[in-house]
Amino acid sequence: MASKSIALSGTVAAPRPLLDKVGGWLNTVCHKRLGILYSLFALAFLANNGIEATIMRPQFVRPLNDFVSPQLFIRALR
């Protein structure tokens, strides 16, 4: 009994949605991708903490400064 393969011509694979690509990056064990993710997260936290430090510095320049309200300051610490 002979078997023949069927080739489908003209079919194009559907592009993967963005969520599948992001999920592939977040669930990876590839050392190159993990290094890239580690670097990106480090830069993101550096930028976030740099912005927070820039906001806090004028607050601590002199006593009883109202650059940041007490409610906002306490809310940021929680």
N, C-alpha and C. Protein backbone atom coordinates (compact mmCIF):
# COMPACT_ATOMS: atom_id res chain seq x y z
N MET A 1 0.84 -1.15 0.00
CA MET A 1 0.00 0.00 0.00
C MET A 1 0.90 1.23 0.00
N ALA A 2 0.73 2.08 -0.91
CA ALA A 2 1.54 3.29 -1.02
C ALA A 2 0.81 4.46 -0.38
N SER A 3 1.58 5.31 0.23
CA SER A 3 0.98 6.50 0.82
C SER A 3 1.56 7.71 0.13
N LYS A 4 0.72 8.66 -0.12
CA LYS A 4 1.13 9.89 -0.78
C LYS A 4 1.00 11.04 0.21
N SER A 5 1.96 11.94 0.16
CA SER A 5 1.86 13.11 1.02
C SER A 5 1.09 14.19 0.28
N ILE A 6 0.38 14.94 1.03
CA ILE A 6 -0.42 16.01 0.46
C ILE A 6 0.23 17.33 0.84
N ALA A 7 0.58 18.11 -0.14
CA ALA A 7 1.18 19.42 0.11
C ALA A 7 0.12 20.48 -0.14
N LEU A 8 -0.05 21.34 0.82
CA LEU A 8 -1.00 22.44 0.68
C LEU A 8 -0.24 23.65 0.18
N SER A 9 -0.56 24.07 -0.98
CA SER A 9 0.12 25.25 -1.52
C SER A 9 -0.75 26.47 -1.33
N GLY A 10 -0.09 27.57 -1.11
CA GLY A 10 -0.81 28.82 -0.98
C GLY A 10 -1.33 29.09 0.42
N THR A 11 -1.00 28.24 1.38
CA THR A 11 -1.44 28.50 2.74
C THR A 11 -0.33 29.23 3.49
N VAL A 12 -0.74 30.21 4.23
CA VAL A 12 0.20 30.99 5.01
C VAL A 12 -0.18 30.83 6.48
N ALA A 13 0.82 30.59 7.30
CA ALA A 13 0.55 30.46 8.73
C ALA A 13 0.06 31.79 9.29
N ALA A 14 -0.93 31.71 10.13
CA ALA A 14 -1.49 32.92 10.74
C ALA A 14 -0.46 33.52 11.69
N PRO A 15 -0.32 34.83 11.71
CA PRO A 15 0.63 35.44 12.64
C PRO A 15 0.20 35.21 14.09
N ARG A 16 1.18 35.00 14.94
CA ARG A 16 0.89 34.76 16.35
C ARG A 16 0.48 36.07 17.02
N PRO A 17 -0.51 36.00 17.87
CA PRO A 17 -0.92 37.21 18.59
C PRO A 17 0.19 37.68 19.54
N LEU A 18 0.09 38.92 19.92
CA LEU A 18 1.09 39.52 20.80
C LEU A 18 1.19 38.79 22.13
N LEU A 19 0.07 38.33 22.67
CA LEU A 19 0.09 37.64 23.96
C LEU A 19 0.88 36.34 23.90
N ASP A 20 0.81 35.64 22.78
CA ASP A 20 1.59 34.41 22.64
C ASP A 20 3.08 34.72 22.62
N LYS A 21 3.46 35.81 21.97
CA LYS A 21 4.87 36.19 21.93
C LYS A 21 5.37 36.60 23.31
N VAL A 22 4.56 37.39 24.03
CA VAL A 22 4.96 37.82 25.37
C VAL A 22 5.02 36.61 26.30
N GLY A 23 4.06 35.72 26.19
CA GLY A 23 4.07 34.51 27.00
C GLY A 23 5.28 33.64 26.70
N GLY A 24 5.68 33.59 25.45
CA GLY A 24 6.87 32.84 25.08
C GLY A 24 8.13 33.44 25.70
N TRP A 25 8.19 34.76 25.78
CA TRP A 25 9.34 35.42 26.39
C TRP A 25 9.34 35.23 27.90
N LEU A 26 8.18 35.30 28.54
CA LEU A 26 8.12 35.20 30.00
C LEU A 26 8.27 33.77 30.50
N ASN A 27 8.00 32.78 29.67
CA ASN A 27 8.10 31.38 30.08
C ASN A 27 9.35 30.71 29.52
N THR A 28 10.32 31.46 29.13
CA THR A 28 11.48 30.90 28.47
C THR A 28 12.50 30.37 29.48
N VAL A 29 13.32 29.45 29.02
CA VAL A 29 14.47 28.99 29.79
C VAL A 29 15.76 29.24 29.01
N CYS A 30 15.65 29.96 27.91
CA CYS A 30 16.80 30.29 27.08
C CYS A 30 17.64 31.35 27.82
N HIS A 31 18.93 31.07 27.98
CA HIS A 31 19.77 31.97 28.75
C HIS A 31 19.91 33.35 28.11
N LYS A 32 19.84 33.42 26.80
CA LYS A 32 19.94 34.72 26.13
C LYS A 32 18.71 35.57 26.41
N ARG A 33 17.55 34.98 26.31
CA ARG A 33 16.32 35.72 26.59
C ARG A 33 16.23 36.11 28.06
N LEU A 34 16.67 35.22 28.95
CA LEU A 34 16.65 35.55 30.37
C LEU A 34 17.57 36.71 30.68
N GLY A 35 18.72 36.77 30.03
CA GLY A 35 19.64 37.89 30.22
C GLY A 35 19.03 39.19 29.74
N ILE A 36 18.35 39.15 28.60
CA ILE A 36 17.69 40.34 28.07
C ILE A 36 16.57 40.80 29.02
N LEU A 37 15.76 39.84 29.50
CA LEU A 37 14.69 40.19 30.43
C LEU A 37 15.24 40.76 31.73
N TYR A 38 16.31 40.16 32.23
CA TYR A 38 16.94 40.66 33.46
C TYR A 38 17.40 42.10 33.27
N SER A 39 18.02 42.38 32.14
CA SER A 39 18.49 43.74 31.87
C SER A 39 17.33 44.72 31.72
N LEU A 40 16.27 44.32 31.04
CA LEU A 40 15.11 45.20 30.87
C LEU A 40 14.42 45.51 32.20
N PHE A 41 14.25 44.49 33.04
CA PHE A 41 13.63 44.73 34.34
C PHE A 41 14.52 45.60 35.22
N ALA A 42 15.84 45.40 35.15
CA ALA A 42 16.75 46.24 35.94
C ALA A 42 16.66 47.69 35.49
N LEU A 43 16.62 47.93 34.19
CA LEU A 43 16.49 49.30 33.69
C LEU A 43 15.14 49.91 34.05
N ALA A 44 14.08 49.11 34.03
CA ALA A 44 12.76 49.62 34.39
C ALA A 44 12.72 50.03 35.86
N PHE A 45 13.27 49.21 36.74
CA PHE A 45 13.29 49.56 38.16
C PHE A 45 14.23 50.73 38.43
N LEU A 46 15.33 50.82 37.70
CA LEU A 46 16.23 51.96 37.84
C LEU A 46 15.51 53.26 37.47
N ALA A 47 14.77 53.24 36.37
CA ALA A 47 14.04 54.43 35.95
C ALA A 47 12.95 54.78 36.96
N ASN A 48 12.21 53.78 37.44
CA ASN A 48 11.15 54.02 38.42
C ASN A 48 11.71 54.62 39.70
N ASN A 49 12.76 54.05 40.22
CA ASN A 49 13.33 54.55 41.47
C ASN A 49 14.03 55.89 41.26
N GLY A 50 14.56 56.14 40.08
CA GLY A 50 15.14 57.43 39.79
C GLY A 50 14.10 58.53 39.78
N ILE A 51 12.94 58.23 39.23
CA ILE A 51 11.84 59.20 39.23
C ILE A 51 11.37 59.47 40.66
N GLU A 52 11.23 58.40 41.45
CA GLU A 52 10.81 58.59 42.84
C GLU A 52 11.84 59.39 43.63
N ALA A 53 13.11 59.13 43.42
CA ALA A 53 14.16 59.88 44.12
C ALA A 53 14.15 61.35 43.71
N THR A 54 13.90 61.60 42.43
CA THR A 54 13.84 62.98 41.95
C THR A 54 12.66 63.72 42.57
N ILE A 55 11.56 63.04 42.80
CA ILE A 55 10.40 63.67 43.45
C ILE A 55 10.67 63.88 44.94
N MET A 56 11.40 62.97 45.57
CA MET A 56 11.62 63.06 47.02
C MET A 56 12.68 64.09 47.39
N ARG A 57 13.66 64.34 46.53
CA ARG A 57 14.75 65.25 46.90
C ARG A 57 14.28 66.66 47.23
N PRO A 58 13.42 67.28 46.44
CA PRO A 58 12.95 68.62 46.84
C PRO A 58 12.19 68.60 48.17
N GLN A 59 11.58 67.48 48.49
CA GLN A 59 10.85 67.38 49.75
C GLN A 59 11.79 67.47 50.94
N PHE A 60 12.99 66.92 50.82
CA PHE A 60 13.91 66.86 51.95
C PHE A 60 14.92 68.01 51.97
N VAL A 61 14.77 69.00 51.10
CA VAL A 61 15.71 70.11 51.06
C VAL A 61 15.63 70.93 52.35
N ARG A 62 14.42 71.19 52.80
CA ARG A 62 14.26 71.97 54.02
C ARG A 62 13.12 71.37 54.84
N PRO A 63 13.12 71.61 56.12
CA PRO A 63 12.06 71.06 56.98
C PRO A 63 10.69 71.66 56.64
N LEU A 64 9.67 70.90 56.85
CA LEU A 64 8.27 71.30 56.65
C LEU A 64 7.99 71.79 55.23
N ASN A 65 8.63 71.17 54.27
CA ASN A 65 8.41 71.50 52.87
C ASN A 65 7.12 70.81 52.41
N ASP A 66 6.34 71.46 51.57
CA ASP A 66 5.07 70.89 51.10
C ASP A 66 5.12 70.51 49.63
N PHE A 67 6.29 70.13 49.13
CA PHE A 67 6.37 69.71 47.74
C PHE A 67 5.54 68.45 47.51
N VAL A 68 5.61 67.52 48.44
CA VAL A 68 4.80 66.31 48.41
C VAL A 68 3.91 66.36 49.65
N SER A 69 2.62 66.22 49.45
CA SER A 69 1.69 66.30 50.59
C SER A 69 1.90 65.09 51.51
N PRO A 70 1.58 65.24 52.80
CA PRO A 70 1.74 64.11 53.72
C PRO A 70 0.90 62.90 53.32
N GLN A 71 -0.29 63.13 52.78
CA GLN A 71 -1.13 62.01 52.38
C GLN A 71 -0.49 61.22 51.23
N LEU A 72 0.06 61.92 50.27
CA LEU A 72 0.72 61.26 49.15
C LEU A 72 1.98 60.55 49.61
N PHE A 73 2.73 61.15 50.50
CA PHE A 73 3.95 60.55 51.01
C PHE A 73 3.66 59.26 51.75
N ILE A 74 2.63 59.26 52.61
CA ILE A 74 2.28 58.05 53.37
C ILE A 74 1.70 57.00 52.44
N ARG A 75 0.91 57.40 51.45
CA ARG A 75 0.33 56.45 50.51
C ARG A 75 1.41 55.78 49.69
N ALA A 76 2.49 56.50 49.36
CA ALA A 76 3.58 55.91 48.58
C ALA A 76 4.37 54.91 49.40
N LEU A 77 4.38 55.05 50.73
CA LEU A 77 5.12 54.12 51.58
C LEU A 77 4.37 52.82 51.82
N ARG A 78 3.08 52.80 51.60
CA ARG A 78 2.31 51.58 51.84
C ARG A 78 2.45 50.58 50.74
